[in-house]
Amino acid sequence: MLEIWTDYAWPLIWIIIKILLIVIPLLIAVAYLTYAERKVIGSIQLRMGPNVVGPFGLLQPFADGLKLLVKESIIPTGSNRVVFILAPMLTFTLGLIGWAVIPVADGWVLSDINVGILYLFAVSSLGVYGIIMAGWASNSIYPFLGALRSAAQMVSYEVSIGFVIVTVLLAVGSLNMTDIVMAQQKVWFFIPLFPMFVIFFISGLAETNRAPFDLPEAEAELVSGYNVEYSAMSFALFFLGEYANMILVSAMTVILFLGGWLPPFDFTFLYWIPGVIWFSLKVSLVLFVFLWVRATLPRYRYDQLMRLGWKVFLPFSLFWVVVTAGAIVAFEWYPK
């Protein structure tokens, strides 16, 4: 009996505890990201933003969640019910499972696998399936058009994201997320690989369907896009999935280019601050730029979006991979 407990039961309970320690703060972060977005956009547009529910409007996310929870979930008559219900679940789940390999501090990671970056790339690629399923299962032309746009957009920008990741891997010599952070102890990668940093960030905006690339949910022409027919908690799951993906892309940006949990300067007293706080501050900064971009830039036209992805980012990122590889070989800057 003791062997069953030590070999099977306790390891399983410990894994569940670690998963909850990741998921619960993440869900709170997602809830307050919606609040932060409305406050930031409010400030930029010289408005107050949410300020009624609770002090400074801090309970607004919970009020919104409760409102969606008690609403009736309407399933369209002609829809494919199973796929229709599965789609938001898939989108939300994929937004969470990427965090299994994200190290938030030294040793603070659920699964420190050697191919962590490949796992993340695969998870972010799967995100498009939830949207395609939602668009197709709704049995309506607007969601279907939104889903087609989203699929084309995500596939287009994933190619350049792949090449950006390759340049970082050339500099590190490992696919492990912790190794990528530790390789940035002397200099953060956004300095030598600055053009790749910019391409990664803009591609991240397109990958998460955020403004100015929010064409799949362009309310002017598509009546809110792929989630038109959704209501109540199924709509809320799409909403939460989008914000969870934003946080995931921001965390990837921080790990690949902004030194992960490392402090900005190599001073001893900066290491007294826990790594998880540095990590959270950097992720918050990247998320603030996400919100700032949404509040200031108009939406791209669809042909401009595709031209940027295929005719600008793809050739440039391919060129930069060659330049990086050439520099490493010519100057013998091989990863240790």
C-alpha atoms as a PDB file:
ATOM      1  CA  MET A   1       0.000   0.000   0.000  1.00  0.00           C
ATOM      2  CA  LEU A   2       2.863   2.335   0.907  1.00  0.00           C
ATOM      3  CA  GLU A   3       4.517   1.639  -2.457  1.00  0.00           C
ATOM      4  CA  ILE A   4       1.334   2.658  -4.336  1.00  0.00           C
ATOM      5  CA  TRP A   5       1.288   5.917  -2.345  1.00  0.00           C
ATOM      6  CA  THR A   6       4.985   6.767  -2.874  1.00  0.00           C
ATOM      7  CA  ASP A   7       5.259   5.552  -6.492  1.00  0.00           C
ATOM      8  CA  TYR A   8       1.933   6.651  -7.969  1.00  0.00           C
ATOM      9  CA  ALA A   9      -0.465   8.592  -5.734  1.00  0.00           C
ATOM     10  CA  TRP A  10       1.870  11.230  -4.241  1.00  0.00           C
ATOM     11  CA  PRO A  11       3.664  12.091  -7.554  1.00  0.00           C
ATOM     12  CA  LEU A  12       0.223  12.518  -9.192  1.00  0.00           C
ATOM     13  CA  ILE A  13      -1.038  14.761  -6.348  1.00  0.00           C
ATOM     14  CA  TRP A  14       2.201  16.811  -6.515  1.00  0.00           C
ATOM     15  CA  ILE A  15       1.800  17.330 -10.299  1.00  0.00           C
ATOM     16  CA  ILE A  16      -1.832  18.460  -9.784  1.00  0.00           C
ATOM     17  CA  ILE A  17      -0.697  20.932  -7.069  1.00  0.00           C
ATOM     18  CA  LYS A  18       1.965  22.350  -9.440  1.00  0.00           C
ATOM     19  CA  ILE A  19      -0.593  22.663 -12.263  1.00  0.00           C
ATOM     20  CA  LEU A  20      -2.960  24.563  -9.936  1.00  0.00           C
ATOM     21  CA  LEU A  21      -0.081  26.848  -8.852  1.00  0.00           C
ATOM     22  CA  ILE A  22       0.349  27.791 -12.536  1.00  0.00           C
ATOM     23  CA  VAL A  23      -3.310  27.904 -13.633  1.00  0.00           C
ATOM     24  CA  ILE A  24      -4.862  29.872 -10.746  1.00  0.00           C
ATOM     25  CA  PRO A  25      -2.472  32.901 -10.944  1.00  0.00           C
ATOM     26  CA  LEU A  26      -2.812  32.728 -14.746  1.00  0.00           C
ATOM     27  CA  LEU A  27      -6.628  32.898 -14.595  1.00  0.00           C
ATOM     28  CA  ILE A  28      -6.426  35.844 -12.178  1.00  0.00           C
ATOM     29  CA  ALA A  29      -3.937  37.519 -14.565  1.00  0.00           C
ATOM     30  CA  VAL A  30      -6.319  36.928 -17.504  1.00  0.00           C
ATOM     31  CA  ALA A  31      -9.234  38.449 -15.530  1.00  0.00           C
ATOM     32  CA  TYR A  32      -7.230  41.535 -14.605  1.00  0.00           C
ATOM     33  CA  LEU A  33      -5.749  41.888 -18.090  1.00  0.00           C
ATOM     34  CA  THR A  34      -9.289  42.644 -19.333  1.00  0.00           C
ATOM     35  CA  TYR A  35      -9.537  45.309 -16.600  1.00  0.00           C
ATOM     36  CA  ALA A  36      -6.059  46.687 -17.427  1.00  0.00           C
ATOM     37  CA  GLU A  37      -6.942  46.881 -21.121  1.00  0.00           C
ATOM     38  CA  ARG A  38     -10.041  48.963 -20.460  1.00  0.00           C
ATOM     39  CA  LYS A  39      -8.148  51.222 -18.025  1.00  0.00           C
ATOM     40  CA  VAL A  40      -5.184  51.756 -20.405  1.00  0.00           C
ATOM     41  CA  ILE A  41      -7.412  52.448 -23.420  1.00  0.00           C
ATOM     42  CA  GLY A  42      -9.552  54.713 -21.223  1.00  0.00           C
ATOM     43  CA  SER A  43      -6.466  56.723 -20.157  1.00  0.00           C
ATOM     44  CA  ILE A  44      -5.233  57.028 -23.751  1.00  0.00           C
ATOM     45  CA  GLN A  45      -8.684  58.267 -24.850  1.00  0.00           C
ATOM     46  CA  LEU A  46      -8.898  60.604 -21.806  1.00  0.00           C
ATOM     47  CA  ARG A  47     -11.697  58.602 -20.157  1.00  0.00           C
ATOM     48  CA  MET A  48     -12.001  56.999 -16.718  1.00  0.00           C
ATOM     49  CA  GLY A  49     -12.408  53.340 -17.746  1.00  0.00           C
ATOM     50  CA  PRO A  50     -14.197  50.938 -15.336  1.00  0.00           C
ATOM     51  CA  ASN A  51     -14.595  52.696 -11.958  1.00  0.00           C
ATOM     52  CA  VAL A  52     -17.961  51.667 -10.480  1.00  0.00           C
ATOM     53  CA  VAL A  53     -17.789  48.022  -9.320  1.00  0.00           C
ATOM     54  CA  GLY A  54     -15.532  47.931  -6.251  1.00  0.00           C
ATOM     55  CA  PRO A  55     -12.722  50.413  -5.433  1.00  0.00           C
ATOM     56  CA  PHE A  56     -11.267  51.852  -8.687  1.00  0.00           C
ATOM     57  CA  GLY A  57     -13.457  49.339 -10.566  1.00  0.00           C
ATOM     58  CA  LEU A  58     -11.224  46.442  -9.420  1.00  0.00           C
ATOM     59  CA  LEU A  59     -14.139  43.995  -9.173  1.00  0.00           C
ATOM     60  CA  GLN A  60     -15.309  44.678 -12.745  1.00  0.00           C
ATOM     61  CA  PRO A  61     -13.761  41.447 -14.242  1.00  0.00           C
ATOM     62  CA  PHE A  62     -15.678  39.347 -11.693  1.00  0.00           C
ATOM     63  CA  ALA A  63     -18.920  41.230 -12.434  1.00  0.00           C
ATOM     64  CA  ASP A  64     -18.434  40.571 -16.173  1.00  0.00           C
ATOM     65  CA  GLY A  65     -17.658  36.895 -15.524  1.00  0.00           C
ATOM     66  CA  LEU A  66     -20.745  36.490 -13.337  1.00  0.00           C
ATOM     67  CA  LYS A  67     -22.912  38.181 -15.968  1.00  0.00           C
ATOM     68  CA  LEU A  68     -21.709  35.756 -18.674  1.00  0.00           C
ATOM     69  CA  LEU A  69     -22.059  32.788 -16.297  1.00  0.00           C
ATOM     70  CA  VAL A  70     -25.777  33.355 -15.629  1.00  0.00           C
ATOM     71  CA  LYS A  71     -26.732  34.013 -19.259  1.00  0.00           C
ATOM     72  CA  GLU A  72     -28.428  31.366 -21.393  1.00  0.00           C
ATOM     73  CA  SER A  73     -26.143  29.514 -23.814  1.00  0.00           C
ATOM     74  CA  ILE A  74     -27.846  29.552 -27.220  1.00  0.00           C
ATOM     75  CA  ILE A  75     -26.844  26.916 -29.780  1.00  0.00           C
ATOM     76  CA  PRO A  76     -27.958  27.716 -33.379  1.00  0.00           C
ATOM     77  CA  THR A  77     -30.401  25.228 -34.926  1.00  0.00           C
ATOM     78  CA  GLY A  78     -28.316  24.345 -37.987  1.00  0.00           C
ATOM     79  CA  SER A  79     -25.005  24.086 -36.154  1.00  0.00           C
ATOM     80  CA  ASN A  80     -22.918  20.994 -35.444  1.00  0.00           C
ATOM     81  CA  ARG A  81     -23.549  20.904 -31.681  1.00  0.00           C
ATOM     82  CA  VAL A  82     -20.529  18.825 -30.589  1.00  0.00           C
ATOM     83  CA  VAL A  83     -17.942  20.802 -32.596  1.00  0.00           C
ATOM     84  CA  PHE A  84     -19.693  24.082 -31.673  1.00  0.00           C
ATOM     85  CA  ILE A  85     -19.261  23.358 -27.948  1.00  0.00           C
ATOM     86  CA  LEU A  86     -15.757  21.853 -28.261  1.00  0.00           C
ATOM     87  CA  ALA A  87     -14.257  24.838 -30.157  1.00  0.00           C
ATOM     88  CA  PRO A  88     -14.118  27.385 -27.259  1.00  0.00           C
ATOM     89  CA  MET A  89     -12.900  24.667 -24.870  1.00  0.00           C
ATOM     90  CA  LEU A  90     -10.036  23.838 -27.246  1.00  0.00           C
ATOM     91  CA  THR A  91      -9.062  27.500 -27.674  1.00  0.00           C
ATOM     92  CA  PHE A  92      -9.005  28.097 -23.915  1.00  0.00           C
ATOM     93  CA  THR A  93      -7.162  24.835 -23.093  1.00  0.00           C
ATOM     94  CA  LEU A  94      -4.419  25.565 -25.643  1.00  0.00           C
ATOM     95  CA  GLY A  95      -3.964  28.995 -24.062  1.00  0.00           C
ATOM     96  CA  LEU A  96      -3.183  27.255 -20.753  1.00  0.00           C
ATOM     97  CA  ILE A  97      -1.155  24.139 -21.671  1.00  0.00           C
ATOM     98  CA  GLY A  98       1.663  26.183 -23.218  1.00  0.00           C
ATOM     99  CA  TRP A  99       2.618  27.243 -19.674  1.00  0.00           C
ATOM    100  CA  ALA A 100       3.824  23.710 -18.863  1.00  0.00           C
ATOM    101  CA  VAL A 101       7.296  24.556 -20.264  1.00  0.00           C
ATOM    102  CA  ILE A 102       7.548  28.275 -19.380  1.00  0.00           C
ATOM    103  CA  PRO A 103      10.169  28.852 -16.630  1.00  0.00           C
ATOM    104  CA  VAL A 104       9.015  31.828 -14.512  1.00  0.00           C
ATOM    105  CA  ALA A 105      12.182  31.700 -12.370  1.00  0.00           C
ATOM    106  CA  ASP A 106      15.264  29.486 -12.034  1.00  0.00           C
ATOM    107  CA  GLY A 107      13.883  25.961 -11.521  1.00  0.00           C
ATOM    108  CA  TRP A 108      10.254  27.174 -11.421  1.00  0.00           C
ATOM    109  CA  VAL A 109       8.893  25.181 -14.343  1.00  0.00           C
ATOM    110  CA  LEU A 110       6.402  22.312 -14.525  1.00  0.00           C
ATOM    111  CA  SER A 111       8.259  20.341 -17.204  1.00  0.00           C
ATOM    112  CA  ASP A 112      11.803  21.380 -18.141  1.00  0.00           C
ATOM    113  CA  ILE A 113      11.925  19.392 -21.403  1.00  0.00           C
ATOM    114  CA  ASN A 114      14.795  19.690 -23.894  1.00  0.00           C
ATOM    115  CA  VAL A 115      12.470  20.684 -26.758  1.00  0.00           C
ATOM    116  CA  GLY A 116      10.447  23.281 -24.841  1.00  0.00           C
ATOM    117  CA  ILE A 117      10.473  25.861 -27.631  1.00  0.00           C
ATOM    118  CA  LEU A 118       9.235  23.277 -30.173  1.00  0.00           C
ATOM    119  CA  TYR A 119       6.404  22.336 -27.810  1.00  0.00           C
ATOM    120  CA  LEU A 120       5.396  26.009 -27.522  1.00  0.00           C
ATOM    121  CA  PHE A 121       5.538  26.480 -31.292  1.00  0.00           C
ATOM    122  CA  ALA A 122       3.309  23.411 -31.757  1.00  0.00           C
ATOM    123  CA  VAL A 123       0.783  24.590 -29.142  1.00  0.00           C
ATOM    124  CA  SER A 124       0.558  28.082 -30.675  1.00  0.00           C
ATOM    125  CA  SER A 125       0.052  26.496 -34.120  1.00  0.00           C
ATOM    126  CA  LEU A 126      -2.834  24.367 -32.834  1.00  0.00           C
ATOM    127  CA  GLY A 127      -4.671  27.493 -31.626  1.00  0.00           C
ATOM    128  CA  VAL A 128      -6.074  28.074 -35.117  1.00  0.00           C
ATOM    129  CA  TYR A 129      -8.068  24.814 -34.973  1.00  0.00           C
ATOM    130  CA  GLY A 130     -10.430  26.103 -32.278  1.00  0.00           C
ATOM    131  CA  ILE A 131     -11.246  29.131 -34.427  1.00  0.00           C
ATOM    132  CA  ILE A 132     -11.757  27.069 -37.622  1.00  0.00           C
ATOM    133  CA  MET A 133     -14.025  24.670 -35.710  1.00  0.00           C
ATOM    134  CA  ALA A 134     -16.072  27.568 -34.320  1.00  0.00           C
ATOM    135  CA  GLY A 135     -16.463  29.186 -37.749  1.00  0.00           C
ATOM    136  CA  TRP A 136     -17.451  25.962 -39.493  1.00  0.00           C
ATOM    137  CA  ALA A 137     -19.757  24.580 -36.770  1.00  0.00           C
ATOM    138  CA  SER A 138     -21.755  27.833 -36.483  1.00  0.00           C
ATOM    139  CA  ASN A 139     -23.303  27.183 -39.939  1.00  0.00           C
ATOM    140  CA  SER A 140     -23.303  30.896 -40.712  1.00  0.00           C
ATOM    141  CA  ILE A 141     -21.392  32.868 -43.329  1.00  0.00           C
ATOM    142  CA  TYR A 142     -19.924  35.580 -41.044  1.00  0.00           C
ATOM    143  CA  PRO A 143     -18.214  33.203 -38.582  1.00  0.00           C
ATOM    144  CA  PHE A 144     -16.977  31.086 -41.489  1.00  0.00           C
ATOM    145  CA  LEU A 145     -15.364  34.102 -43.195  1.00  0.00           C
ATOM    146  CA  GLY A 146     -13.815  35.138 -39.871  1.00  0.00           C
ATOM    147  CA  ALA A 147     -12.407  31.624 -39.378  1.00  0.00           C
ATOM    148  CA  LEU A 148     -10.946  31.535 -42.914  1.00  0.00           C
ATOM    149  CA  ARG A 149      -9.264  34.899 -42.354  1.00  0.00           C
ATOM    150  CA  SER A 150      -7.914  33.784 -39.007  1.00  0.00           C
ATOM    151  CA  ALA A 151      -6.493  30.539 -40.430  1.00  0.00           C
ATOM    152  CA  ALA A 152      -4.751  32.358 -43.293  1.00  0.00           C
ATOM    153  CA  GLN A 153      -3.401  35.032 -40.968  1.00  0.00           C
ATOM    154  CA  MET A 154      -2.050  32.653 -38.314  1.00  0.00           C
ATOM    155  CA  VAL A 155      -0.402  30.353 -40.871  1.00  0.00           C
ATOM    156  CA  SER A 156       1.199  33.355 -42.637  1.00  0.00           C
ATOM    157  CA  TYR A 157       2.795  34.786 -39.510  1.00  0.00           C
ATOM    158  CA  GLU A 158       3.804  31.447 -37.973  1.00  0.00           C
ATOM    159  CA  VAL A 159       6.354  31.037 -40.775  1.00  0.00           C
ATOM    160  CA  SER A 160       8.220  34.200 -39.797  1.00  0.00           C
ATOM    161  CA  ILE A 161       7.883  33.345 -36.068  1.00  0.00           C
ATOM    162  CA  GLY A 162       9.560  30.000 -36.885  1.00  0.00           C
ATOM    163  CA  PHE A 163      12.537  31.734 -38.516  1.00  0.00           C
ATOM    164  CA  VAL A 164      12.843  34.177 -35.601  1.00  0.00           C
ATOM    165  CA  ILE A 165      12.999  31.228 -33.190  1.00  0.00           C
ATOM    166  CA  VAL A 166      15.678  29.613 -35.414  1.00  0.00           C
ATOM    167  CA  THR A 167      17.908  32.727 -35.107  1.00  0.00           C
ATOM    168  CA  VAL A 168      17.625  32.578 -31.308  1.00  0.00           C
ATOM    169  CA  LEU A 169      18.367  28.850 -31.313  1.00  0.00           C
ATOM    170  CA  LEU A 170      21.494  29.452 -33.450  1.00  0.00           C
ATOM    171  CA  ALA A 171      22.726  31.872 -30.802  1.00  0.00           C
ATOM    172  CA  VAL A 172      21.896  29.526 -27.877  1.00  0.00           C
ATOM    173  CA  GLY A 173      22.563  26.045 -29.273  1.00  0.00           C
ATOM    174  CA  SER A 174      19.683  24.504 -27.287  1.00  0.00           C
ATOM    175  CA  LEU A 175      15.887  24.101 -27.517  1.00  0.00           C
ATOM    176  CA  ASN A 176      15.518  24.174 -23.721  1.00  0.00           C
ATOM    177  CA  MET A 177      13.745  27.280 -22.366  1.00  0.00           C
ATOM    178  CA  THR A 178      15.963  27.547 -19.257  1.00  0.00           C
ATOM    179  CA  ASP A 179      19.113  27.366 -21.435  1.00  0.00           C
ATOM    180  CA  ILE A 180      17.741  30.170 -23.635  1.00  0.00           C
ATOM    181  CA  VAL A 181      17.373  32.420 -20.563  1.00  0.00           C
ATOM    182  CA  MET A 182      20.769  31.489 -19.079  1.00  0.00           C
ATOM    183  CA  ALA A 183      22.466  32.302 -22.424  1.00  0.00           C
ATOM    184  CA  GLN A 184      21.350  35.935 -21.933  1.00  0.00           C
ATOM    185  CA  GLN A 185      23.324  36.602 -18.731  1.00  0.00           C
ATOM    186  CA  LYS A 186      25.815  38.896 -20.501  1.00  0.00           C
ATOM    187  CA  VAL A 187      23.494  40.533 -23.080  1.00  0.00           C
ATOM    188  CA  TRP A 188      19.775  40.188 -23.743  1.00  0.00           C
ATOM    189  CA  PHE A 189      19.054  38.950 -27.251  1.00  0.00           C
ATOM    190  CA  PHE A 190      16.892  41.923 -28.199  1.00  0.00           C
ATOM    191  CA  ILE A 191      20.104  43.975 -28.595  1.00  0.00           C
ATOM    192  CA  PRO A 192      22.013  41.837 -31.153  1.00  0.00           C
ATOM    193  CA  LEU A 193      18.799  40.461 -32.710  1.00  0.00           C
ATOM    194  CA  PHE A 194      16.741  43.672 -32.576  1.00  0.00           C
ATOM    195  CA  PRO A 195      15.092  43.304 -36.042  1.00  0.00           C
ATOM    196  CA  MET A 196      14.021  39.758 -35.089  1.00  0.00           C
ATOM    197  CA  PHE A 197      12.611  41.093 -31.813  1.00  0.00           C
ATOM    198  CA  VAL A 198      10.441  43.591 -33.713  1.00  0.00           C
ATOM    199  CA  ILE A 199       9.285  40.933 -36.225  1.00  0.00           C
ATOM    200  CA  PHE A 200       8.491  38.498 -33.401  1.00  0.00           C
ATOM    201  CA  PHE A 201       6.431  41.082 -31.527  1.00  0.00           C
ATOM    202  CA  ILE A 202       4.441  42.169 -34.611  1.00  0.00           C
ATOM    203  CA  SER A 203       3.922  38.531 -35.653  1.00  0.00           C
ATOM    204  CA  GLY A 204       2.749  37.846 -32.089  1.00  0.00           C
ATOM    205  CA  LEU A 205       0.091  40.543 -32.523  1.00  0.00           C
ATOM    206  CA  ALA A 206      -1.077  38.835 -35.736  1.00  0.00           C
ATOM    207  CA  GLU A 207      -0.887  35.360 -34.165  1.00  0.00           C
ATOM    208  CA  THR A 208      -3.169  36.369 -31.277  1.00  0.00           C
ATOM    209  CA  ASN A 209      -5.585  38.269 -33.587  1.00  0.00           C
ATOM    210  CA  ARG A 210      -4.960  41.562 -31.784  1.00  0.00           C
ATOM    211  CA  ALA A 211      -5.260  45.071 -33.221  1.00  0.00           C
ATOM    212  CA  PRO A 212      -4.102  46.251 -35.733  1.00  0.00           C
ATOM    213  CA  PHE A 213      -4.399  42.676 -37.099  1.00  0.00           C
ATOM    214  CA  ASP A 214      -7.806  41.810 -35.590  1.00  0.00           C
ATOM    215  CA  LEU A 215      -9.320  41.118 -39.023  1.00  0.00           C
ATOM    216  CA  PRO A 216     -10.981  37.797 -38.054  1.00  0.00           C
ATOM    217  CA  GLU A 217     -13.233  39.756 -35.690  1.00  0.00           C
ATOM    218  CA  ALA A 218     -13.593  42.943 -37.732  1.00  0.00           C
ATOM    219  CA  GLU A 219     -16.980  44.171 -36.497  1.00  0.00           C
ATOM    220  CA  ALA A 220     -17.301  46.611 -39.406  1.00  0.00           C
ATOM    221  CA  GLU A 221     -17.622  43.868 -42.022  1.00  0.00           C
ATOM    222  CA  LEU A 222     -17.953  40.530 -40.179  1.00  0.00           C
ATOM    223  CA  VAL A 223     -20.250  41.342 -37.204  1.00  0.00           C
ATOM    224  CA  SER A 224     -17.599  40.246 -34.626  1.00  0.00           C
ATOM    225  CA  GLY A 225     -16.153  37.378 -36.703  1.00  0.00           C
ATOM    226  CA  TYR A 226     -15.877  33.725 -35.748  1.00  0.00           C
ATOM    227  CA  ASN A 227     -17.658  34.099 -32.376  1.00  0.00           C
ATOM    228  CA  VAL A 228     -20.869  35.732 -33.700  1.00  0.00           C
ATOM    229  CA  GLU A 229     -23.126  32.809 -32.745  1.00  0.00           C
ATOM    230  CA  TYR A 230     -21.610  32.295 -29.287  1.00  0.00           C
ATOM    231  CA  SER A 231     -23.119  33.494 -26.023  1.00  0.00           C
ATOM    232  CA  ALA A 232     -22.698  33.049 -22.259  1.00  0.00           C
ATOM    233  CA  MET A 233     -19.763  30.885 -21.064  1.00  0.00           C
ATOM    234  CA  SER A 234     -18.843  29.558 -24.523  1.00  0.00           C
ATOM    235  CA  PHE A 235     -18.231  33.184 -25.602  1.00  0.00           C
ATOM    236  CA  ALA A 236     -16.378  33.842 -22.333  1.00  0.00           C
ATOM    237  CA  LEU A 237     -14.016  30.917 -23.055  1.00  0.00           C
ATOM    238  CA  PHE A 238     -13.055  32.452 -26.419  1.00  0.00           C
ATOM    239  CA  PHE A 239     -12.522  35.769 -24.686  1.00  0.00           C
ATOM    240  CA  LEU A 240     -10.361  34.199 -21.958  1.00  0.00           C
ATOM    241  CA  GLY A 241      -8.488  32.101 -24.543  1.00  0.00           C
ATOM    242  CA  GLU A 242      -7.520  35.238 -26.486  1.00  0.00           C
ATOM    243  CA  TYR A 243      -6.142  36.928 -23.371  1.00  0.00           C
ATOM    244  CA  ALA A 244      -4.379  33.737 -22.171  1.00  0.00           C
ATOM    245  CA  ASN A 245      -2.679  33.578 -25.601  1.00  0.00           C
ATOM    246  CA  MET A 246      -1.625  37.224 -25.255  1.00  0.00           C
ATOM    247  CA  ILE A 247       0.063  36.439 -21.932  1.00  0.00           C
ATOM    248  CA  LEU A 248       1.701  33.320 -23.443  1.00  0.00           C
ATOM    249  CA  VAL A 249       3.116  35.272 -26.434  1.00  0.00           C
ATOM    250  CA  SER A 250       4.369  37.983 -24.040  1.00  0.00           C
ATOM    251  CA  ALA A 251       6.081  35.310 -21.903  1.00  0.00           C
ATOM    252  CA  MET A 252       7.707  33.853 -25.051  1.00  0.00           C
ATOM    253  CA  THR A 253       8.939  37.343 -26.015  1.00  0.00           C
ATOM    254  CA  VAL A 254      10.424  37.814 -22.540  1.00  0.00           C
ATOM    255  CA  ILE A 255      12.183  34.411 -22.576  1.00  0.00           C
ATOM    256  CA  LEU A 256      13.534  34.678 -26.137  1.00  0.00           C
ATOM    257  CA  PHE A 257      14.634  38.328 -26.126  1.00  0.00           C
ATOM    258  CA  LEU A 258      14.307  40.059 -22.733  1.00  0.00           C
ATOM    259  CA  GLY A 259      16.332  37.745 -20.506  1.00  0.00           C
ATOM    260  CA  GLY A 260      13.487  35.845 -18.822  1.00  0.00           C
ATOM    261  CA  TRP A 261      13.768  36.158 -15.021  1.00  0.00           C
ATOM    262  CA  LEU A 262      17.233  37.812 -15.117  1.00  0.00           C
ATOM    263  CA  PRO A 263      17.492  41.402 -13.774  1.00  0.00           C
ATOM    264  CA  PRO A 264      18.276  44.182 -16.308  1.00  0.00           C
ATOM    265  CA  PHE A 265      21.773  44.903 -14.895  1.00  0.00           C
ATOM    266  CA  ASP A 266      24.358  42.571 -13.397  1.00  0.00           C
ATOM    267  CA  PHE A 267      24.365  44.179  -9.920  1.00  0.00           C
ATOM    268  CA  THR A 268      24.309  41.948  -6.841  1.00  0.00           C
ATOM    269  CA  PHE A 269      21.467  43.804  -5.080  1.00  0.00           C
ATOM    270  CA  LEU A 270      19.166  43.302  -8.115  1.00  0.00           C
ATOM    271  CA  TYR A 271      19.456  39.539  -7.611  1.00  0.00           C
ATOM    272  CA  TRP A 272      17.850  39.963  -4.152  1.00  0.00           C
ATOM    273  CA  ILE A 273      14.542  40.544  -5.938  1.00  0.00           C
ATOM    274  CA  PRO A 274      13.019  37.113  -6.780  1.00  0.00           C
ATOM    275  CA  GLY A 275      13.229  36.090 -10.460  1.00  0.00           C
ATOM    276  CA  VAL A 276       9.472  35.589 -10.692  1.00  0.00           C
ATOM    277  CA  ILE A 277       8.962  39.326  -9.972  1.00  0.00           C
ATOM    278  CA  TRP A 278      11.372  40.365 -12.772  1.00  0.00           C
ATOM    279  CA  PHE A 279       9.585  37.924 -15.097  1.00  0.00           C
ATOM    280  CA  SER A 280       6.141  39.309 -14.180  1.00  0.00           C
ATOM    281  CA  LEU A 281       7.298  42.918 -14.642  1.00  0.00           C
ATOM    282  CA  LYS A 282       8.703  42.183 -18.109  1.00  0.00           C
ATOM    283  CA  VAL A 283       5.556  40.300 -19.183  1.00  0.00           C
ATOM    284  CA  SER A 284       3.457  43.241 -17.900  1.00  0.00           C
ATOM    285  CA  LEU A 285       5.570  45.663 -19.942  1.00  0.00           C
ATOM    286  CA  VAL A 286       5.106  43.631 -23.161  1.00  0.00           C
ATOM    287  CA  LEU A 287       1.352  43.364 -22.458  1.00  0.00           C
ATOM    288  CA  PHE A 288       1.182  47.139 -21.959  1.00  0.00           C
ATOM    289  CA  VAL A 289       2.648  47.590 -25.468  1.00  0.00           C
ATOM    290  CA  PHE A 290      -0.029  45.155 -26.782  1.00  0.00           C
ATOM    291  CA  LEU A 291      -2.729  47.414 -25.280  1.00  0.00           C
ATOM    292  CA  TRP A 292      -0.994  50.628 -26.367  1.00  0.00           C
ATOM    293  CA  VAL A 293      -0.868  49.380 -29.979  1.00  0.00           C
ATOM    294  CA  ARG A 294      -4.579  48.549 -29.857  1.00  0.00           C
ATOM    295  CA  ALA A 295      -5.480  52.032 -28.618  1.00  0.00           C
ATOM    296  CA  THR A 296      -3.385  53.956 -31.156  1.00  0.00           C
ATOM    297  CA  LEU A 297      -3.265  52.132 -34.506  1.00  0.00           C
ATOM    298  CA  PRO A 298      -6.062  51.618 -37.067  1.00  0.00           C
ATOM    299  CA  ARG A 299      -6.868  48.157 -38.446  1.00  0.00           C
ATOM    300  CA  TYR A 300      -4.860  46.879 -41.422  1.00  0.00           C
ATOM    301  CA  ARG A 301      -6.536  46.060 -44.723  1.00  0.00           C
ATOM    302  CA  TYR A 302      -6.489  42.334 -45.493  1.00  0.00           C
ATOM    303  CA  ASP A 303      -4.171  42.613 -48.511  1.00  0.00           C
ATOM    304  CA  GLN A 304      -1.754  44.779 -46.475  1.00  0.00           C
ATOM    305  CA  LEU A 305      -1.711  42.141 -43.752  1.00  0.00           C
ATOM    306  CA  MET A 306      -0.812  39.361 -46.201  1.00  0.00           C
ATOM    307  CA  ARG A 307       1.771  41.512 -48.011  1.00  0.00           C
ATOM    308  CA  LEU A 308       3.515  42.305 -44.712  1.00  0.00           C
ATOM    309  CA  GLY A 309       3.630  38.625 -43.708  1.00  0.00           C
ATOM    310  CA  TRP A 310       4.756  37.057 -46.984  1.00  0.00           C
ATOM    311  CA  LYS A 311       6.645  39.841 -48.810  1.00  0.00           C
ATOM    312  CA  VAL A 312       8.333  41.681 -45.931  1.00  0.00           C
ATOM    313  CA  PHE A 313       8.705  39.523 -42.805  1.00  0.00           C
ATOM    314  CA  LEU A 314       9.347  36.151 -44.463  1.00  0.00           C
ATOM    315  CA  PRO A 315      12.250  37.263 -46.768  1.00  0.00           C
ATOM    316  CA  PHE A 316      13.769  39.470 -44.057  1.00  0.00           C
ATOM    317  CA  SER A 317      13.655  36.801 -41.334  1.00  0.00           C
ATOM    318  CA  LEU A 318      15.126  34.238 -43.764  1.00  0.00           C
ATOM    319  CA  PHE A 319      17.903  36.717 -44.625  1.00  0.00           C
ATOM    320  CA  TRP A 320      18.601  37.329 -40.917  1.00  0.00           C
ATOM    321  CA  VAL A 321      18.883  33.570 -40.246  1.00  0.00           C
ATOM    322  CA  VAL A 322      21.623  33.425 -42.913  1.00  0.00           C
ATOM    323  CA  VAL A 323      23.343  36.543 -41.494  1.00  0.00           C
ATOM    324  CA  THR A 324      23.278  35.139 -37.939  1.00  0.00           C
ATOM    325  CA  ALA A 325      24.587  31.732 -39.022  1.00  0.00           C
ATOM    326  CA  GLY A 326      27.285  33.423 -41.152  1.00  0.00           C
ATOM    327  CA  ALA A 327      28.411  35.658 -38.264  1.00  0.00           C
ATOM    328  CA  ILE A 328      28.582  32.713 -35.846  1.00  0.00           C
ATOM    329  CA  VAL A 329      30.725  30.674 -38.254  1.00  0.00           C
ATOM    330  CA  ALA A 330      32.938  33.587 -39.421  1.00  0.00           C
ATOM    331  CA  PHE A 331      33.774  34.872 -35.902  1.00  0.00           C
ATOM    332  CA  GLU A 332      33.583  31.439 -34.239  1.00  0.00           C
ATOM    333  CA  TRP A 333      30.938  32.603 -31.750  1.00  0.00           C
ATOM    334  CA  TYR A 334      29.763  29.054 -31.230  1.00  0.00           C
ATOM    335  CA  PRO A 335      27.385  28.515 -28.294  1.00  0.00           C
ATOM    336  CA  LYS A 336      29.232  27.066 -25.298  1.00  0.00           C
END
